[in-house]
Amino acid sequence: MQPVLEFVQRHERSYTYSIRAPQTSDTIPVACYVDRGLTSLADCVFDAAQALSVNFPTVYIRYQGLCMGQIEVRRLALCAESIARELKVEHQRRSTPQSAAPEGPVTRLAERQNVFAAAI
């Protein structure tokens, strides 16, 4: 089983994450772990990596309700700051209407994450 790790920004400086089993039917499984009250997304990413690192090598990532792909849990711990930035950038890109998006190539989160893997 590969869990789903979901990050949610509740307020300007309030983030939470939850861990649940992947959806296997029309019903989304209840979160088996929820952390409430970290002050930065990077702290959430790092804390989640610590919680998952012993049992799971990879995890599906969701941010603000959008599926962002999968990533190795060890990279979450090693690159928490940069992954948090990339999640925000990718969410903003996906939330911007196409007509308002700047022209030029857009690199997807998974492709940018490969740069982090090469650097480690």
PDB file of N, CA and C in Angstrom:
ATOM      1  N   MET A   1       0.828  -1.182   0.000  1.00  0.00           N
ATOM      2  CA  MET A   1       0.000   0.000   0.000  1.00  0.00           C
ATOM      3  C   MET A   1       0.872   1.246   0.000  1.00  0.00           C
ATOM      4  N   GLN A   2       0.520   2.176  -0.842  1.00  0.00           N
ATOM      5  CA  GLN A   2       1.202   3.468  -0.886  1.00  0.00           C
ATOM      6  C   GLN A   2       0.238   4.517  -0.347  1.00  0.00           C
ATOM      7  N   PRO A   3       0.547   5.130   0.794  1.00  0.00           N
ATOM      8  CA  PRO A   3      -0.391   6.069   1.403  1.00  0.00           C
ATOM      9  C   PRO A   3      -0.501   7.387   0.628  1.00  0.00           C
ATOM     10  N   VAL A   4      -1.553   8.125   0.983  1.00  0.00           N
ATOM     11  CA  VAL A   4      -1.770   9.462   0.443  1.00  0.00           C
ATOM     12  C   VAL A   4      -1.451  10.449   1.558  1.00  0.00           C
ATOM     13  N   LEU A   5      -0.584  11.390   1.260  1.00  0.00           N
ATOM     14  CA  LEU A   5      -0.191  12.430   2.199  1.00  0.00           C
ATOM     15  C   LEU A   5      -0.770  13.735   1.695  1.00  0.00           C
ATOM     16  N   GLU A   6      -1.665  14.331   2.486  1.00  0.00           N
ATOM     17  CA  GLU A   6      -2.330  15.550   2.040  1.00  0.00           C
ATOM     18  C   GLU A   6      -1.966  16.717   2.942  1.00  0.00           C
ATOM     19  N   PHE A   7      -1.515  17.807   2.309  1.00  0.00           N
ATOM     20  CA  PHE A   7      -1.175  19.041   3.015  1.00  0.00           C
ATOM     21  C   PHE A   7      -2.269  20.067   2.758  1.00  0.00           C
ATOM     22  N   VAL A   8      -2.651  20.793   3.817  1.00  0.00           N
ATOM     23  CA  VAL A   8      -3.675  21.832   3.691  1.00  0.00           C
ATOM     24  C   VAL A   8      -3.213  23.060   4.458  1.00  0.00           C
ATOM     25  N   GLN A   9      -3.313  24.217   3.805  1.00  0.00           N
ATOM     26  CA  GLN A   9      -3.041  25.481   4.479  1.00  0.00           C
ATOM     27  C   GLN A   9      -4.371  25.963   5.045  1.00  0.00           C
ATOM     28  N   ARG A  10      -4.454  26.057   6.368  1.00  0.00           N
ATOM     29  CA  ARG A  10      -5.711  26.457   7.011  1.00  0.00           C
ATOM     30  C   ARG A  10      -5.807  27.963   7.173  1.00  0.00           C
ATOM     31  N   HIS A  11      -4.705  28.608   7.479  1.00  0.00           N
ATOM     32  CA  HIS A  11      -4.634  30.057   7.640  1.00  0.00           C
ATOM     33  C   HIS A  11      -3.284  30.498   7.103  1.00  0.00           C
ATOM     34  N   GLU A  12      -2.992  31.785   7.201  1.00  0.00           N
ATOM     35  CA  GLU A  12      -1.747  32.289   6.627  1.00  0.00           C
ATOM     36  C   GLU A  12      -0.525  31.534   7.142  1.00  0.00           C
ATOM     37  N   ARG A  13      -0.461  31.274   8.438  1.00  0.00           N
ATOM     38  CA  ARG A  13       0.679  30.549   9.004  1.00  0.00           C
ATOM     39  C   ARG A  13       0.208  29.333   9.803  1.00  0.00           C
ATOM     40  N   SER A  14      -0.688  28.570   9.210  1.00  0.00           N
ATOM     41  CA  SER A  14      -1.193  27.372   9.863  1.00  0.00           C
ATOM     42  C   SER A  14      -1.402  26.282   8.820  1.00  0.00           C
ATOM     43  N   TYR A  15      -0.625  25.234   8.940  1.00  0.00           N
ATOM     44  CA  TYR A  15      -0.673  24.112   7.998  1.00  0.00           C
ATOM     45  C   TYR A  15      -0.972  22.833   8.753  1.00  0.00           C
ATOM     46  N   THR A  16      -1.579  21.914   8.062  1.00  0.00           N
ATOM     47  CA  THR A  16      -1.858  20.605   8.623  1.00  0.00           C
ATOM     48  C   THR A  16      -1.612  19.550   7.547  1.00  0.00           C
ATOM     49  N   TYR A  17      -1.409  18.330   7.977  1.00  0.00           N
ATOM     50  CA  TYR A  17      -1.313  17.238   7.014  1.00  0.00           C
ATOM     51  C   TYR A  17      -2.033  16.027   7.566  1.00  0.00           C
ATOM     52  N   SER A  18      -2.443  15.166   6.644  1.00  0.00           N
ATOM     53  CA  SER A  18      -3.088  13.922   7.041  1.00  0.00           C
ATOM     54  C   SER A  18      -2.523  12.798   6.185  1.00  0.00           C
ATOM     55  N   ILE A  19      -2.603  11.605   6.716  1.00  0.00           N
ATOM     56  CA  ILE A  19      -2.134  10.407   6.021  1.00  0.00           C
ATOM     57  C   ILE A  19      -3.313   9.442   5.970  1.00  0.00           C
ATOM     58  N   ARG A  20      -3.566   8.906   4.790  1.00  0.00           N
ATOM     59  CA  ARG A  20      -4.655   7.947   4.649  1.00  0.00           C
ATOM     60  C   ARG A  20      -4.294   6.918   3.592  1.00  0.00           C
ATOM     61  N   ALA A  21      -5.081   5.860   3.558  1.00  0.00           N
ATOM     62  CA  ALA A  21      -4.923   4.843   2.521  1.00  0.00           C
ATOM     63  C   ALA A  21      -5.408   5.418   1.193  1.00  0.00           C
ATOM     64  N   PRO A  22      -4.920   4.894   0.075  1.00  0.00           N
ATOM     65  CA  PRO A  22      -5.401   5.373  -1.221  1.00  0.00           C
ATOM     66  C   PRO A  22      -6.869   5.004  -1.440  1.00  0.00           C
ATOM     67  N   GLN A  23      -7.540   5.794  -2.266  1.00  0.00           N
ATOM     68  CA  GLN A  23      -8.942   5.539  -2.581  1.00  0.00           C
ATOM     69  C   GLN A  23      -9.053   4.301  -3.450  1.00  0.00           C
ATOM     70  N   THR A  24      -9.899   3.361  -3.052  1.00  0.00           N
ATOM     71  CA  THR A  24     -10.074   2.136  -3.824  1.00  0.00           C
ATOM     72  C   THR A  24     -11.489   1.987  -4.359  1.00  0.00           C
ATOM     73  N   SER A  25     -12.380   2.892  -3.951  1.00  0.00           N
ATOM     74  CA  SER A  25     -13.761   2.872  -4.449  1.00  0.00           C
ATOM     75  C   SER A  25     -14.241   4.308  -4.538  1.00  0.00           C
ATOM     76  N   ASP A  26     -15.534   4.507  -4.529  1.00  0.00           N
ATOM     77  CA  ASP A  26     -16.083   5.854  -4.588  1.00  0.00           C
ATOM     78  C   ASP A  26     -15.921   6.609  -3.277  1.00  0.00           C
ATOM     79  N   THR A  27     -15.604   5.885  -2.216  1.00  0.00           N
ATOM     80  CA  THR A  27     -15.467   6.498  -0.899  1.00  0.00           C
ATOM     81  C   THR A  27     -13.997   6.771  -0.596  1.00  0.00           C
ATOM     82  N   ILE A  28     -13.712   8.005  -0.180  1.00  0.00           N
ATOM     83  CA  ILE A  28     -12.342   8.352   0.224  1.00  0.00           C
ATOM     84  C   ILE A  28     -12.140   7.861   1.655  1.00  0.00           C
ATOM     85  N   PRO A  29     -11.087   7.071   1.896  1.00  0.00           N
ATOM     86  CA  PRO A  29     -10.849   6.549   3.245  1.00  0.00           C
ATOM     87  C   PRO A  29     -10.614   7.666   4.264  1.00  0.00           C
ATOM     88  N   VAL A  30     -10.990   7.404   5.478  1.00  0.00           N
ATOM     89  CA  VAL A  30     -10.773   8.340   6.571  1.00  0.00           C
ATOM     90  C   VAL A  30      -9.273   8.407   6.863  1.00  0.00           C
ATOM     91  N   ALA A  31      -8.794   9.589   7.200  1.00  0.00           N
ATOM     92  CA  ALA A  31      -7.378   9.751   7.533  1.00  0.00           C
ATOM     93  C   ALA A  31      -7.049   8.935   8.781  1.00  0.00           C
ATOM     94  N   CYS A  32      -5.927   8.233   8.729  1.00  0.00           N
ATOM     95  CA  CYS A  32      -5.510   7.455   9.890  1.00  0.00           C
ATOM     96  C   CYS A  32      -4.573   8.274  10.789  1.00  0.00           C
ATOM     97  N   TYR A  33      -4.118   9.420  10.292  1.00  0.00           N
ATOM     98  CA  TYR A  33      -3.301  10.306  11.113  1.00  0.00           C
ATOM     99  C   TYR A  33      -3.522  11.728  10.633  1.00  0.00           C
ATOM    100  N   VAL A  34      -3.707  12.640  11.571  1.00  0.00           N
ATOM    101  CA  VAL A  34      -3.871  14.051  11.231  1.00  0.00           C
ATOM    102  C   VAL A  34      -3.029  14.859  12.209  1.00  0.00           C
ATOM    103  N   ASP A  35      -2.210  15.750  11.684  1.00  0.00           N
ATOM    104  CA  ASP A  35      -1.449  16.670  12.518  1.00  0.00           C
ATOM    105  C   ASP A  35      -2.029  18.053  12.279  1.00  0.00           C
ATOM    106  N   ARG A  36      -2.315  18.774  13.323  1.00  0.00           N
ATOM    107  CA  ARG A  36      -2.910  20.102  13.187  1.00  0.00           C
ATOM    108  C   ARG A  36      -2.038  21.126  13.908  1.00  0.00           C
ATOM    109  N   GLY A  37      -1.555  22.114  13.149  1.00  0.00           N
ATOM    110  CA  GLY A  37      -0.942  23.224  13.839  1.00  0.00           C
ATOM    111  C   GLY A  37       0.522  23.507  13.592  1.00  0.00           C
ATOM    112  N   LEU A  38       1.073  23.156  12.447  1.00  0.00           N
ATOM    113  CA  LEU A  38       2.450  23.541  12.146  1.00  0.00           C
ATOM    114  C   LEU A  38       2.435  24.906  11.448  1.00  0.00           C
ATOM    115  N   THR A  39       3.481  25.693  11.650  1.00  0.00           N
ATOM    116  CA  THR A  39       3.461  27.080  11.174  1.00  0.00           C
ATOM    117  C   THR A  39       4.004  27.282   9.765  1.00  0.00           C
ATOM    118  N   SER A  40       4.564  26.242   9.161  1.00  0.00           N
ATOM    119  CA  SER A  40       5.035  26.386   7.778  1.00  0.00           C
ATOM    120  C   SER A  40       4.802  25.080   7.027  1.00  0.00           C
ATOM    121  N   LEU A  41       4.667  25.204   5.715  1.00  0.00           N
ATOM    122  CA  LEU A  41       4.498  24.012   4.897  1.00  0.00           C
ATOM    123  C   LEU A  41       5.750  23.146   4.955  1.00  0.00           C
ATOM    124  N   ALA A  42       6.928  23.758   4.990  1.00  0.00           N
ATOM    125  CA  ALA A  42       8.173  22.987   5.082  1.00  0.00           C
ATOM    126  C   ALA A  42       8.208  22.153   6.364  1.00  0.00           C
ATOM    127  N   ASP A  43       7.741  22.716   7.477  1.00  0.00           N
ATOM    128  CA  ASP A  43       7.671  21.953   8.731  1.00  0.00           C
ATOM    129  C   ASP A  43       6.729  20.764   8.589  1.00  0.00           C
ATOM    130  N   CYS A  44       5.612  20.976   7.894  1.00  0.00           N
ATOM    131  CA  CYS A  44       4.659  19.891   7.646  1.00  0.00           C
ATOM    132  C   CYS A  44       5.306  18.783   6.821  1.00  0.00           C
ATOM    133  N   VAL A  45       5.986  19.176   5.751  1.00  0.00           N
ATOM    134  CA  VAL A  45       6.642  18.204   4.871  1.00  0.00           C
ATOM    135  C   VAL A  45       7.656  17.380   5.665  1.00  0.00           C
ATOM    136  N   PHE A  46       8.490  18.052   6.446  1.00  0.00           N
ATOM    137  CA  PHE A  46       9.514  17.361   7.227  1.00  0.00           C
ATOM    138  C   PHE A  46       8.885  16.442   8.274  1.00  0.00           C
ATOM    139  N   ASP A  47       7.881  16.936   8.991  1.00  0.00           N
ATOM    140  CA  ASP A  47       7.234  16.142  10.028  1.00  0.00           C
ATOM    141  C   ASP A  47       6.570  14.895   9.437  1.00  0.00           C
ATOM    142  N   ALA A  48       5.920  15.070   8.299  1.00  0.00           N
ATOM    143  CA  ALA A  48       5.282  13.929   7.632  1.00  0.00           C
ATOM    144  C   ALA A  48       6.322  12.898   7.210  1.00  0.00           C
ATOM    145  N   ALA A  49       7.456  13.369   6.718  1.00  0.00           N
ATOM    146  CA  ALA A  49       8.522  12.451   6.307  1.00  0.00           C
ATOM    147  C   ALA A  49       9.007  11.624   7.499  1.00  0.00           C
ATOM    148  N   GLN A  50       9.125  12.281   8.635  1.00  0.00           N
ATOM    149  CA  GLN A  50       9.557  11.564   9.836  1.00  0.00           C
ATOM    150  C   GLN A  50       8.525  10.501  10.232  1.00  0.00           C
ATOM    151  N   ALA A  51       7.249  10.822  10.106  1.00  0.00           N
ATOM    152  CA  ALA A  51       6.187   9.881  10.470  1.00  0.00           C
ATOM    153  C   ALA A  51       6.128   8.693   9.517  1.00  0.00           C
ATOM    154  N   LEU A  52       6.439   8.928   8.253  1.00  0.00           N
ATOM    155  CA  LEU A  52       6.303   7.880   7.233  1.00  0.00           C
ATOM    156  C   LEU A  52       7.579   7.084   6.959  1.00  0.00           C
ATOM    157  N   SER A  53       8.728   7.627   7.280  1.00  0.00           N
ATOM    158  CA  SER A  53      10.002   7.094   6.799  1.00  0.00           C
ATOM    159  C   SER A  53      10.272   5.638   7.163  1.00  0.00           C
ATOM    160  N   VAL A  54       9.789   5.190   8.278  1.00  0.00           N
ATOM    161  CA  VAL A  54      10.076   3.828   8.715  1.00  0.00           C
ATOM    162  C   VAL A  54       9.299   2.795   7.896  1.00  0.00           C
ATOM    163  N   ASN A  55       8.093   3.134   7.504  1.00  0.00           N
ATOM    164  CA  ASN A  55       7.212   2.136   6.905  1.00  0.00           C
ATOM    165  C   ASN A  55       6.967   2.252   5.405  1.00  0.00           C
ATOM    166  N   PHE A  56       7.186   3.410   4.821  1.00  0.00           N
ATOM    167  CA  PHE A  56       6.795   3.615   3.423  1.00  0.00           C
ATOM    168  C   PHE A  56       7.914   4.283   2.627  1.00  0.00           C
ATOM    169  N   PRO A  57       8.340   3.691   1.514  1.00  0.00           N
ATOM    170  CA  PRO A  57       9.384   4.314   0.698  1.00  0.00           C
ATOM    171  C   PRO A  57       8.856   5.455  -0.174  1.00  0.00           C
ATOM    172  N   THR A  58       7.602   5.367  -0.644  1.00  0.00           N
ATOM    173  CA  THR A  58       7.028   6.421  -1.481  1.00  0.00           C
ATOM    174  C   THR A  58       5.615   6.749  -0.998  1.00  0.00           C
ATOM    175  N   VAL A  59       5.141   7.921  -1.399  1.00  0.00           N
ATOM    176  CA  VAL A  59       3.831   8.394  -0.970  1.00  0.00           C
ATOM    177  C   VAL A  59       3.227   9.251  -2.077  1.00  0.00           C
ATOM    178  N   TYR A  60       1.900   9.200  -2.213  1.00  0.00           N
ATOM    179  CA  TYR A  60       1.194  10.120  -3.101  1.00  0.00           C
ATOM    180  C   TYR A  60       1.028  11.438  -2.362  1.00  0.00           C
ATOM    181  N   ILE A  61       1.195  12.546  -3.058  1.00  0.00           N
ATOM    182  CA  ILE A  61       1.096  13.871  -2.446  1.00  0.00           C
ATOM    183  C   ILE A  61      -0.127  14.607  -2.985  1.00  0.00           C
ATOM    184  N   ARG A  62      -0.872  15.226  -2.072  1.00  0.00           N
ATOM    185  CA  ARG A  62      -1.947  16.151  -2.425  1.00  0.00           C
ATOM    186  C   ARG A  62      -1.680  17.453  -1.684  1.00  0.00           C
ATOM    187  N   TYR A  63      -1.945  18.572  -2.350  1.00  0.00           N
ATOM    188  CA  TYR A  63      -1.789  19.883  -1.711  1.00  0.00           C
ATOM    189  C   TYR A  63      -3.003  20.723  -2.049  1.00  0.00           C
ATOM    190  N   GLN A  64      -3.674  21.208  -1.032  1.00  0.00           N
ATOM    191  CA  GLN A  64      -4.871  22.043  -1.192  1.00  0.00           C
ATOM    192  C   GLN A  64      -5.905  21.362  -2.087  1.00  0.00           C
ATOM    193  N   GLY A  65      -6.031  20.046  -1.963  1.00  0.00           N
ATOM    194  CA  GLY A  65      -7.033  19.303  -2.701  1.00  0.00           C
ATOM    195  C   GLY A  65      -6.620  18.830  -4.085  1.00  0.00           C
ATOM    196  N   LEU A  66      -5.431  19.204  -4.543  1.00  0.00           N
ATOM    197  CA  LEU A  66      -4.962  18.795  -5.868  1.00  0.00           C
ATOM    198  C   LEU A  66      -3.920  17.683  -5.754  1.00  0.00           C
ATOM    199  N   CYS A  67      -4.047  16.677  -6.604  1.00  0.00           N
ATOM    200  CA  CYS A  67      -3.057  15.609  -6.648  1.00  0.00           C
ATOM    201  C   CYS A  67      -1.782  16.144  -7.300  1.00  0.00           C
ATOM    202  N   MET A  68      -0.656  15.995  -6.621  1.00  0.00           N
ATOM    203  CA  MET A  68       0.616  16.513  -7.122  1.00  0.00           C
ATOM    204  C   MET A  68       1.554  15.412  -7.603  1.00  0.00           C
ATOM    205  N   GLY A  69       1.179  14.157  -7.427  1.00  0.00           N
ATOM    206  CA  GLY A  69       2.034  13.060  -7.868  1.00  0.00           C
ATOM    207  C   GLY A  69       2.578  12.286  -6.689  1.00  0.00           C
ATOM    208  N   GLN A  70       3.634  11.532  -6.944  1.00  0.00           N
ATOM    209  CA  GLN A  70       4.242  10.745  -5.871  1.00  0.00           C
ATOM    210  C   GLN A  70       5.699  11.132  -5.719  1.00  0.00           C
ATOM    211  N   ILE A  71       6.239  10.807  -4.552  1.00  0.00           N
ATOM    212  CA  ILE A  71       7.623  11.164  -4.255  1.00  0.00           C
ATOM    213  C   ILE A  71       8.172  10.176  -3.233  1.00  0.00           C
ATOM    214  N   GLU A  72       9.468  10.024  -3.230  1.00  0.00           N
ATOM    215  CA  GLU A  72      10.128   9.188  -2.231  1.00  0.00           C
ATOM    216  C   GLU A  72      10.099   9.911  -0.888  1.00  0.00           C
ATOM    217  N   VAL A  73       9.768   9.191   0.154  1.00  0.00           N
ATOM    218  CA  VAL A  73       9.646   9.781   1.485  1.00  0.00           C
ATOM    219  C   VAL A  73      10.991  10.344   1.957  1.00  0.00           C
ATOM    220  N   ARG A  74      12.086   9.676   1.637  1.00  0.00           N
ATOM    221  CA  ARG A  74      13.398  10.183   2.084  1.00  0.00           C
ATOM    222  C   ARG A  74      13.694  11.559   1.496  1.00  0.00           C
ATOM    223  N   ARG A  75      13.193  11.829   0.275  1.00  0.00           N
ATOM    224  CA  ARG A  75      13.391  13.144  -0.335  1.00  0.00           C
ATOM    225  C   ARG A  75      12.568  14.218   0.363  1.00  0.00           C
ATOM    226  N   LEU A  76      11.421  13.822   0.912  1.00  0.00           N
ATOM    227  CA  LEU A  76      10.633  14.785   1.684  1.00  0.00           C
ATOM    228  C   LEU A  76      11.448  15.317   2.858  1.00  0.00           C
ATOM    229  N   ALA A  77      12.151  14.428   3.533  1.00  0.00           N
ATOM    230  CA  ALA A  77      12.947  14.835   4.692  1.00  0.00           C
ATOM    231  C   ALA A  77      14.180  15.634   4.280  1.00  0.00           C
ATOM    232  N   LEU A  78      14.833  15.210   3.210  1.00  0.00           N
ATOM    233  CA  LEU A  78      16.068  15.865   2.780  1.00  0.00           C
ATOM    234  C   LEU A  78      15.850  17.227   2.123  1.00  0.00           C
ATOM    235  N   CYS A  79      14.713  17.416   1.488  1.00  0.00           N
ATOM    236  CA  CYS A  79      14.454  18.634   0.699  1.00  0.00           C
ATOM    237  C   CYS A  79      13.147  19.309   1.102  1.00  0.00           C
ATOM    238  N   ALA A  80      12.814  19.317   2.375  1.00  0.00           N
ATOM    239  CA  ALA A  80      11.514  19.821   2.824  1.00  0.00           C
ATOM    240  C   ALA A  80      11.256  21.258   2.372  1.00  0.00           C
ATOM    241  N   GLU A  81      12.230  22.127   2.503  1.00  0.00           N
ATOM    242  CA  GLU A  81      12.050  23.543   2.115  1.00  0.00           C
ATOM    243  C   GLU A  81      11.764  23.680   0.624  1.00  0.00           C
ATOM    244  N   SER A  82      12.567  23.041  -0.198  1.00  0.00           N
ATOM    245  CA  SER A  82      12.393  23.186  -1.642  1.00  0.00           C
ATOM    246  C   SER A  82      11.117  22.489  -2.126  1.00  0.00           C
ATOM    247  N   ILE A  83      10.766  21.371  -1.531  1.00  0.00           N
ATOM    248  CA  ILE A  83       9.531  20.686  -1.916  1.00  0.00           C
ATOM    249  C   ILE A  83       8.323  21.537  -1.538  1.00  0.00           C
ATOM    250  N   ALA A  84       8.367  22.169  -0.377  1.00  0.00           N
ATOM    251  CA  ALA A  84       7.270  23.062   0.028  1.00  0.00           C
ATOM    252  C   ALA A  84       7.109  24.204  -0.979  1.00  0.00           C
ATOM    253  N   ARG A  85       8.219  24.792  -1.403  1.00  0.00           N
ATOM    254  CA  ARG A  85       8.150  25.869  -2.418  1.00  0.00           C
ATOM    255  C   ARG A  85       7.551  25.352  -3.712  1.00  0.00           C
ATOM    256  N   GLU A  86       7.989  24.183  -4.153  1.00  0.00           N
ATOM    257  CA  GLU A  86       7.508  23.617  -5.410  1.00  0.00           C
ATOM    258  C   GLU A  86       6.019  23.270  -5.349  1.00  0.00           C
ATOM    259  N   LEU A  87       5.565  22.786  -4.215  1.00  0.00           N
ATOM    260  CA  LEU A  87       4.139  22.508  -4.067  1.00  0.00           C
ATOM    261  C   LEU A  87       3.319  23.786  -4.227  1.00  0.00           C
ATOM    262  N   LYS A  88       3.786  24.856  -3.601  1.00  0.00           N
ATOM    263  CA  LYS A  88       3.077  26.137  -3.708  1.00  0.00           C
ATOM    264  C   LYS A  88       3.082  26.664  -5.139  1.00  0.00           C
ATOM    265  N   VAL A  89       4.232  26.576  -5.802  1.00  0.00           N
ATOM    266  CA  VAL A  89       4.346  27.042  -7.186  1.00  0.00           C
ATOM    267  C   VAL A  89       3.440  26.231  -8.105  1.00  0.00           C
ATOM    268  N   GLU A  90       3.468  24.928  -7.962  1.00  0.00           N
ATOM    269  CA  GLU A  90       2.644  24.068  -8.811  1.00  0.00           C
ATOM    270  C   GLU A  90       1.158  24.304  -8.546  1.00  0.00           C
ATOM    271  N   HIS A  91       0.785  24.481  -7.296  1.00  0.00           N
ATOM    272  CA  HIS A  91      -0.614  24.762  -6.970  1.00  0.00           C
ATOM    273  C   HIS A  91      -1.044  26.091  -7.597  1.00  0.00           C
ATOM    274  N   GLN A  92      -0.204  27.096  -7.490  1.00  0.00           N
ATOM    275  CA  GLN A  92      -0.516  28.406  -8.084  1.00  0.00           C
ATOM    276  C   GLN A  92      -0.649  28.284  -9.600  1.00  0.00           C
ATOM    277  N   ARG A  93       0.242  27.527 -10.215  1.00  0.00           N
ATOM    278  CA  ARG A  93       0.201  27.356 -11.670  1.00  0.00           C
ATOM    279  C   ARG A  93      -1.102  26.687 -12.091  1.00  0.00           C
ATOM    280  N   ARG A  94      -1.484  25.657 -11.372  1.00  0.00           N
ATOM    281  CA  ARG A  94      -2.711  24.940 -11.722  1.00  0.00           C
ATOM    282  C   ARG A  94      -3.972  25.739 -11.421  1.00  0.00           C
ATOM    283  N   SER A  95      -3.876  26.655 -10.462  1.00  0.00           N
ATOM    284  CA  SER A  95      -5.028  27.457 -10.075  1.00  0.00           C
ATOM    285  C   SER A  95      -5.221  28.683 -10.953  1.00  0.00           C
ATOM    286  N   THR A  96      -4.195  29.042 -11.725  1.00  0.00           N
ATOM    287  CA  THR A  96      -4.257  30.209 -12.600  1.00  0.00           C
ATOM    288  C   THR A  96      -4.939  29.827 -13.904  1.00  0.00           C
ATOM    289  N   PRO A  97      -5.973  30.574 -14.312  1.00  0.00           N
ATOM    290  CA  PRO A  97      -6.598  30.274 -15.603  1.00  0.00           C
ATOM    291  C   PRO A  97      -5.583  30.341 -16.737  1.00  0.00           C
ATOM    292  N   GLN A  98      -5.729  29.474 -17.726  1.00  0.00           N
ATOM    293  CA  GLN A  98      -4.771  29.395 -18.831  1.00  0.00           C
ATOM    294  C   GLN A  98      -4.561  30.742 -19.506  1.00  0.00           C
ATOM    295  N   SER A  99      -5.603  31.540 -19.677  1.00  0.00           N
ATOM    296  CA  SER A  99      -5.465  32.825 -20.356  1.00  0.00           C
ATOM    297  C   SER A  99      -4.620  33.805 -19.548  1.00  0.00           C
ATOM    298  N   ALA A 100      -4.551  33.603 -18.207  1.00  0.00           N
ATOM    299  CA  ALA A 100      -3.763  34.495 -17.368  1.00  0.00           C
ATOM    300  C   ALA A 100      -2.354  33.967 -17.118  1.00  0.00           C
ATOM    301  N   ALA A 101      -2.096  32.735 -17.518  1.00  0.00           N
ATOM    302  CA  ALA A 101      -0.779  32.128 -17.280  1.00  0.00           C
ATOM    303  C   ALA A 101       0.249  32.733 -18.221  1.00  0.00           C
ATOM    304  N   PRO A 102       1.472  32.966 -17.740  1.00  0.00           N
ATOM    305  CA  PRO A 102       2.513  33.498 -18.621  1.00  0.00           C
ATOM    306  C   PRO A 102       2.880  32.491 -19.699  1.00  0.00           C
ATOM    307  N   GLU A 103       3.295  32.994 -20.838  1.00  0.00           N
ATOM    308  CA  GLU A 103       3.694  32.109 -21.931  1.00  0.00           C
ATOM    309  C   GLU A 103       5.041  31.477 -21.626  1.00  0.00           C
ATOM    310  N   GLY A 104       5.312  30.363 -22.270  1.00  0.00           N
ATOM    311  CA  GLY A 104       6.593  29.692 -22.101  1.00  0.00           C
ATOM    312  C   GLY A 104       6.392  28.324 -21.492  1.00  0.00           C
ATOM    313  N   PRO A 105       7.445  27.508 -21.489  1.00  0.00           N
ATOM    314  CA  PRO A 105       7.322  26.154 -20.964  1.00  0.00           C
ATOM    315  C   PRO A 105       7.110  26.164 -19.454  1.00  0.00           C
ATOM    316  N   VAL A 106       6.303  25.262 -19.001  1.00  0.00           N
ATOM    317  CA  VAL A 106       6.059  25.101 -17.572  1.00  0.00           C
ATOM    318  C   VAL A 106       6.521  23.709 -17.192  1.00  0.00           C
ATOM    319  N   THR A 107       7.364  23.637 -16.187  1.00  0.00           N
ATOM    320  CA  THR A 107       7.886  22.359 -15.732  1.00  0.00           C
ATOM    321  C   THR A 107       6.986  21.816 -14.637  1.00  0.00           C
ATOM    322  N   ARG A 108       6.591  20.576 -14.765  1.00  0.00           N
ATOM    323  CA  ARG A 108       5.718  19.962 -13.775  1.00  0.00           C
ATOM    324  C   ARG A 108       6.500  19.646 -12.493  1.00  0.00           C
ATOM    325  N   LEU A 109       5.780  19.516 -11.402  1.00  0.00           N
ATOM    326  CA  LEU A 109       6.393  19.240 -10.111  1.00  0.00           C
ATOM    327  C   LEU A 109       7.273  18.001 -10.160  1.00  0.00           C
ATOM    328  N   ALA A 110       6.796  16.929 -10.758  1.00  0.00           N
ATOM    329  CA  ALA A 110       7.577  15.690 -10.802  1.00  0.00           C
ATOM    330  C   ALA A 110       8.897  15.897 -11.531  1.00  0.00           C
ATOM    331  N   GLU A 111       8.879  16.679 -12.606  1.00  0.00           N
ATOM    332  CA  GLU A 111      10.111  16.938 -13.348  1.00  0.00           C
ATOM    333  C   GLU A 111      11.072  17.774 -12.508  1.00  0.00           C
ATOM    334  N   ARG A 112      10.542  18.753 -11.782  1.00  0.00           N
ATOM    335  CA  ARG A 112      11.399  19.571 -10.928  1.00  0.00           C
ATOM    336  C   ARG A 112      11.974  18.746  -9.788  1.00  0.00           C
ATOM    337  N   GLN A 113      11.207  17.777  -9.292  1.00  0.00           N
ATOM    338  CA  GLN A 113      11.687  16.948  -8.206  1.00  0.00           C
ATOM    339  C   GLN A 113      12.887  16.109  -8.649  1.00  0.00           C
ATOM    340  N   ASN A 114      12.949  15.743  -9.928  1.00  0.00           N
ATOM    341  CA  ASN A 114      14.095  14.985 -10.420  1.00  0.00           C
ATOM    342  C   ASN A 114      15.385  15.779 -10.289  1.00  0.00           C
ATOM    343  N   VAL A 115      15.298  17.097 -10.365  1.00  0.00           N
ATOM    344  CA  VAL A 115      16.470  17.939 -10.160  1.00  0.00           C
ATOM    345  C   VAL A 115      16.962  17.788  -8.724  1.00  0.00           C
ATOM    346  N   PHE A 116      16.033  17.722  -7.768  1.00  0.00           N
ATOM    347  CA  PHE A 116      16.421  17.550  -6.374  1.00  0.00           C
ATOM    348  C   PHE A 116      17.089  16.194  -6.165  1.00  0.00           C
ATOM    349  N   ALA A 117      16.576  15.166  -6.812  1.00  0.00           N
ATOM    350  CA  ALA A 117      17.142  13.827  -6.663  1.00  0.00           C
ATOM    351  C   ALA A 117      18.577  13.793  -7.192  1.00  0.00           C
ATOM    352  N   ALA A 118      18.820  14.471  -8.301  1.00  0.00           N
ATOM    353  CA  ALA A 118      20.164  14.503  -8.872  1.00  0.00           C
ATOM    354  C   ALA A 118      21.132  15.256  -7.973  1.00  0.00           C
ATOM    355  N   ALA A 119      20.612  16.237  -7.255  1.00  0.00           N
ATOM    356  CA  ALA A 119      21.473  17.046  -6.386  1.00  0.00           C
ATOM    357  C   ALA A 119      21.827  16.333  -5.087  1.00  0.00           C
ATOM    358  N   ILE A 120      21.077  15.303  -4.741  1.00  0.00           N
ATOM    359  CA  ILE A 120      21.312  14.615  -3.469  1.00  0.00           C
ATOM    360  C   ILE A 120      22.286  13.477  -3.642  1.00  0.00           C
TER     361      ILE A 120
END
